[in-house]
């Protein structure tokens, strides 16, 4: 296992505390190969939780929001539609992205 990985989550950047539960859920899914949290940025507003952003060649991107911060989260998976569906069914993801086929990259 790589130096900065713990339970599929790369630990180069800190993780917003309110997002830990969702990231733990994702890391427990067999279809998830890795999770890469990005830098934390301050934000205003009260929206909490995760939102789907877009599909990537290796999976998909989420935004995780807490009361005062926002963090990009990249999820690596060969079955991203399945992961997004399970994440939404578990109640972590409010909006469901389009189920269109993955784009060709």
C-alpha atoms as a PDB file:
ATOM      1  CA  UNK A   1       0.000   0.000   0.000  1.00  0.00           C
ATOM      2  CA  UNK A   2       1.247   3.484  -0.825  1.00  0.00           C
ATOM      3  CA  UNK A   3       2.776   5.703   1.835  1.00  0.00           C
ATOM      4  CA  UNK A   4      -0.133   8.155   2.072  1.00  0.00           C
ATOM      5  CA  UNK A   5      -3.074   5.778   1.627  1.00  0.00           C
ATOM      6  CA  UNK A   6      -5.282   4.500   4.385  1.00  0.00           C
ATOM      7  CA  UNK A   7      -8.340   2.374   3.527  1.00  0.00           C
ATOM      8  CA  UNK A   8      -8.243   3.454  -0.153  1.00  0.00           C
ATOM      9  CA  UNK A   9      -8.165   7.166   0.818  1.00  0.00           C
ATOM     10  CA  UNK A  10      -5.077   9.091  -0.212  1.00  0.00           C
ATOM     11  CA  UNK A  11      -3.954  11.289   2.695  1.00  0.00           C
ATOM     12  CA  UNK A  12      -1.884  13.968   0.987  1.00  0.00           C
ATOM     13  CA  UNK A  13      -4.461  16.584   2.018  1.00  0.00           C
ATOM     14  CA  UNK A  14      -6.518  16.735   5.174  1.00  0.00           C
ATOM     15  CA  UNK A  15     -10.160  15.702   4.949  1.00  0.00           C
ATOM     16  CA  UNK A  16     -13.032  17.848   6.189  1.00  0.00           C
ATOM     17  CA  UNK A  17     -14.279  16.130   9.346  1.00  0.00           C
ATOM     18  CA  UNK A  18     -17.949  16.187   8.314  1.00  0.00           C
ATOM     19  CA  UNK A  19     -17.072  14.211   5.158  1.00  0.00           C
ATOM     20  CA  UNK A  20     -15.299  11.324   6.910  1.00  0.00           C
ATOM     21  CA  UNK A  21     -18.464   9.168   7.159  1.00  0.00           C
ATOM     22  CA  UNK A  22     -19.161   9.370   3.437  1.00  0.00           C
ATOM     23  CA  UNK A  23     -15.560   8.698   2.529  1.00  0.00           C
ATOM     24  CA  UNK A  24     -15.485   5.686   4.850  1.00  0.00           C
ATOM     25  CA  UNK A  25     -18.619   4.365   3.149  1.00  0.00           C
ATOM     26  CA  UNK A  26     -17.033   4.808  -0.289  1.00  0.00           C
ATOM     27  CA  UNK A  27     -13.789   3.134   0.759  1.00  0.00           C
ATOM     28  CA  UNK A  28     -15.758   0.095   1.920  1.00  0.00           C
ATOM     29  CA  UNK A  29     -17.238  -0.502  -1.533  1.00  0.00           C
ATOM     30  CA  UNK A  30     -15.524  -3.211  -3.567  1.00  0.00           C
ATOM     31  CA  UNK A  31     -16.084  -1.223  -6.779  1.00  0.00           C
ATOM     32  CA  UNK A  32     -13.977   1.692  -5.464  1.00  0.00           C
ATOM     33  CA  UNK A  33     -10.273   1.449  -6.238  1.00  0.00           C
ATOM     34  CA  UNK A  34      -9.203   4.716  -4.620  1.00  0.00           C
ATOM     35  CA  UNK A  35     -10.311   8.079  -3.252  1.00  0.00           C
ATOM     36  CA  UNK A  36      -8.283  11.257  -3.703  1.00  0.00           C
ATOM     37  CA  UNK A  37      -9.398  14.253  -1.618  1.00  0.00           C
ATOM     38  CA  UNK A  38      -8.209  17.605  -2.945  1.00  0.00           C
ATOM     39  CA  UNK A  39      -7.272  20.768  -1.080  1.00  0.00           C
ATOM     40  CA  UNK A  40      -9.796  22.369   1.273  1.00  0.00           C
ATOM     41  CA  UNK A  41     -11.114  25.820   0.368  1.00  0.00           C
ATOM     42  CA  UNK A  42     -13.177  28.196   2.536  1.00  0.00           C
ATOM     43  CA  UNK A  43     -16.749  28.848   1.481  1.00  0.00           C
ATOM     44  CA  UNK A  44     -19.839  30.672   2.606  1.00  0.00           C
ATOM     45  CA  UNK A  45     -23.288  29.162   2.838  1.00  0.00           C
ATOM     46  CA  UNK A  46     -24.892  26.363   4.723  1.00  0.00           C
ATOM     47  CA  UNK A  47     -25.229  23.509   2.223  1.00  0.00           C
ATOM     48  CA  UNK A  48     -23.730  20.341   3.731  1.00  0.00           C
ATOM     49  CA  UNK A  49     -22.869  16.986   2.198  1.00  0.00           C
ATOM     50  CA  UNK A  50     -21.779  15.696  -1.188  1.00  0.00           C
ATOM     51  CA  UNK A  51     -22.738  16.684  -4.702  1.00  0.00           C
ATOM     52  CA  UNK A  52     -21.870  14.965  -7.967  1.00  0.00           C
ATOM     53  CA  UNK A  53     -19.820  17.083 -10.386  1.00  0.00           C
ATOM     54  CA  UNK A  54     -18.842  15.057 -13.449  1.00  0.00           C
ATOM     55  CA  UNK A  55     -17.512  11.782 -14.824  1.00  0.00           C
ATOM     56  CA  UNK A  56     -13.750  11.425 -15.293  1.00  0.00           C
ATOM     57  CA  UNK A  57     -11.762   8.880 -17.342  1.00  0.00           C
ATOM     58  CA  UNK A  58     -11.005   6.979 -14.118  1.00  0.00           C
ATOM     59  CA  UNK A  59     -14.291   7.450 -12.230  1.00  0.00           C
ATOM     60  CA  UNK A  60     -16.007  10.654 -11.103  1.00  0.00           C
ATOM     61  CA  UNK A  61     -15.620  13.866  -9.120  1.00  0.00           C
ATOM     62  CA  UNK A  62     -17.618  14.904  -6.059  1.00  0.00           C
ATOM     63  CA  UNK A  63     -17.695  18.121  -4.072  1.00  0.00           C
ATOM     64  CA  UNK A  64     -17.898  17.719  -0.329  1.00  0.00           C
ATOM     65  CA  UNK A  65     -19.211  20.660   1.685  1.00  0.00           C
ATOM     66  CA  UNK A  66     -19.199  21.420   5.389  1.00  0.00           C
ATOM     67  CA  UNK A  67     -20.350  24.525   7.245  1.00  0.00           C
ATOM     68  CA  UNK A  68     -17.234  26.497   6.276  1.00  0.00           C
ATOM     69  CA  UNK A  69     -15.312  24.536   3.658  1.00  0.00           C
ATOM     70  CA  UNK A  70     -15.530  22.797   0.307  1.00  0.00           C
ATOM     71  CA  UNK A  71     -13.311  19.959  -0.903  1.00  0.00           C
ATOM     72  CA  UNK A  72     -12.961  18.234  -4.279  1.00  0.00           C
ATOM     73  CA  UNK A  73     -13.009  14.449  -4.070  1.00  0.00           C
ATOM     74  CA  UNK A  74     -11.997  12.210  -6.946  1.00  0.00           C
ATOM     75  CA  UNK A  75     -13.234   8.616  -6.818  1.00  0.00           C
ATOM     76  CA  UNK A  76     -11.394   6.015  -8.880  1.00  0.00           C
ATOM     77  CA  UNK A  77     -13.511   3.099 -10.069  1.00  0.00           C
ATOM     78  CA  UNK A  78     -13.994   0.857 -13.074  1.00  0.00           C
ATOM     79  CA  UNK A  79     -17.750   0.780 -12.264  1.00  0.00           C
ATOM     80  CA  UNK A  80     -18.509   4.434 -11.425  1.00  0.00           C
ATOM     81  CA  UNK A  81     -22.250   4.303 -12.173  1.00  0.00           C
ATOM     82  CA  UNK A  82     -22.633   1.484  -9.642  1.00  0.00           C
ATOM     83  CA  UNK A  83     -20.678   3.418  -6.994  1.00  0.00           C
ATOM     84  CA  UNK A  84     -22.712   6.600  -7.521  1.00  0.00           C
ATOM     85  CA  UNK A  85     -25.946   4.614  -7.281  1.00  0.00           C
ATOM     86  CA  UNK A  86     -24.893   2.952  -4.003  1.00  0.00           C
ATOM     87  CA  UNK A  87     -23.699   6.292  -2.588  1.00  0.00           C
ATOM     88  CA  UNK A  88     -27.061   7.863  -3.441  1.00  0.00           C
ATOM     89  CA  UNK A  89     -29.031   4.921  -1.985  1.00  0.00           C
ATOM     90  CA  UNK A  90     -27.067   5.261   1.271  1.00  0.00           C
ATOM     91  CA  UNK A  91     -28.277   8.860   1.547  1.00  0.00           C
ATOM     92  CA  UNK A  92     -24.940  10.609   1.050  1.00  0.00           C
ATOM     93  CA  UNK A  93     -25.735  12.009  -2.389  1.00  0.00           C
ATOM     94  CA  UNK A  94     -28.935  13.988  -2.874  1.00  0.00           C
ATOM     95  CA  UNK A  95     -28.942  14.552  -6.629  1.00  0.00           C
ATOM     96  CA  UNK A  96     -28.552  11.693  -9.054  1.00  0.00           C
ATOM     97  CA  UNK A  97     -26.367  12.368 -12.113  1.00  0.00           C
ATOM     98  CA  UNK A  98     -27.482  11.422 -15.604  1.00  0.00           C
ATOM     99  CA  UNK A  99     -27.122   7.706 -16.270  1.00  0.00           C
ATOM    100  CA  UNK A 100     -25.795   8.300 -19.775  1.00  0.00           C
ATOM    101  CA  UNK A 101     -22.852   6.140 -20.835  1.00  0.00           C
ATOM    102  CA  UNK A 102     -19.423   7.323 -19.824  1.00  0.00           C
ATOM    103  CA  UNK A 103     -17.871   9.702 -22.338  1.00  0.00           C
ATOM    104  CA  UNK A 104     -15.021   8.517 -24.544  1.00  0.00           C
ATOM    105  CA  UNK A 105     -11.728  10.044 -23.463  1.00  0.00           C
END
